[in-house]
């Protein structure tokens, strides 16, 4: 797959609005990074009872705050 092909792939996980901040500083993320982070978090969440639907469904909103 060429670089151009990877740009045209429709990945709903890569289109998720995602903001990552570390110690108050924004970390820039491209579509691949957003997709990877979203998929990992969704996989972790989907293992919990009551959240099984997120195994195959993109979450509409997910918030995690570590302090």
Protein backbone atom coordinates (compact mmCIF):
# COMPACT_ATOMS: atom_id res chain seq x y z
CA UNK A 1 0.00 0.00 0.00
CA UNK A 2 1.40 3.35 -0.97
CA UNK A 3 1.44 6.41 1.27
CA UNK A 4 -1.32 7.95 -0.85
CA UNK A 5 -3.51 4.86 -0.38
CA UNK A 6 -3.18 5.10 3.37
CA UNK A 7 -4.47 8.68 3.26
CA UNK A 8 -7.66 7.68 1.48
CA UNK A 9 -8.61 4.84 3.83
CA UNK A 10 -11.75 5.57 5.79
CA UNK A 11 -10.87 4.89 9.44
CA UNK A 12 -13.57 6.14 11.82
CA UNK A 13 -11.19 5.70 14.76
CA UNK A 14 -8.78 8.15 13.10
CA UNK A 15 -11.53 10.76 12.81
CA UNK A 16 -12.26 10.87 16.54
CA UNK A 17 -11.72 14.23 18.16
CA UNK A 18 -8.84 13.57 20.52
CA UNK A 19 -6.75 15.97 22.56
CA UNK A 20 -3.70 14.78 24.45
CA UNK A 21 -2.02 17.04 26.97
CA UNK A 22 0.91 16.18 29.18
CA UNK A 23 1.72 18.47 32.08
CA UNK A 24 -0.54 21.09 30.51
CA UNK A 25 1.17 21.01 27.10
CA UNK A 26 -0.69 19.82 24.00
CA UNK A 27 0.82 16.87 22.15
CA UNK A 28 0.12 17.04 18.40
CA UNK A 29 -1.46 13.87 16.98
CA UNK A 30 -1.96 12.77 13.38
CA UNK A 31 -4.80 10.47 12.22
CA UNK A 32 -2.72 7.32 12.79
CA UNK A 33 -1.89 8.35 16.36
CA UNK A 34 -5.53 9.22 17.08
CA UNK A 35 -6.68 5.90 15.64
CA UNK A 36 -4.11 3.92 17.63
CA UNK A 37 -4.89 5.60 20.94
CA UNK A 38 -8.65 5.39 20.39
CA UNK A 39 -8.49 1.70 19.47
CA UNK A 40 -6.38 0.82 22.52
CA UNK A 41 -8.63 2.74 24.92
CA UNK A 42 -11.80 1.32 23.31
CA UNK A 43 -10.37 -2.21 23.60
CA UNK A 44 -9.61 -1.70 27.30
CA UNK A 45 -13.03 -0.20 28.00
CA UNK A 46 -14.86 -2.90 26.03
CA UNK A 47 -13.47 -5.55 28.37
CA UNK A 48 -15.59 -4.12 31.21
CA UNK A 49 -19.06 -5.48 31.81
CA UNK A 50 -21.63 -3.13 30.29
CA UNK A 51 -19.24 -1.68 27.73
CA UNK A 52 -19.03 -4.64 25.33
CA UNK A 53 -20.57 -2.66 22.47
CA UNK A 54 -17.36 -0.66 22.06
CA UNK A 55 -15.55 -3.71 20.70
CA UNK A 56 -16.90 -2.86 17.25
CA UNK A 57 -18.26 0.65 17.69
CA UNK A 58 -16.42 3.94 17.86
CA UNK A 59 -17.25 5.75 21.11
CA UNK A 60 -18.96 9.11 20.62
CA UNK A 61 -17.27 10.62 23.63
CA UNK A 62 -14.71 9.30 26.06
CA UNK A 63 -12.99 11.27 28.76
CA UNK A 64 -10.03 10.19 30.86
CA UNK A 65 -8.33 12.53 33.27
CA UNK A 66 -5.33 11.51 35.34
CA UNK A 67 -4.19 13.88 38.05
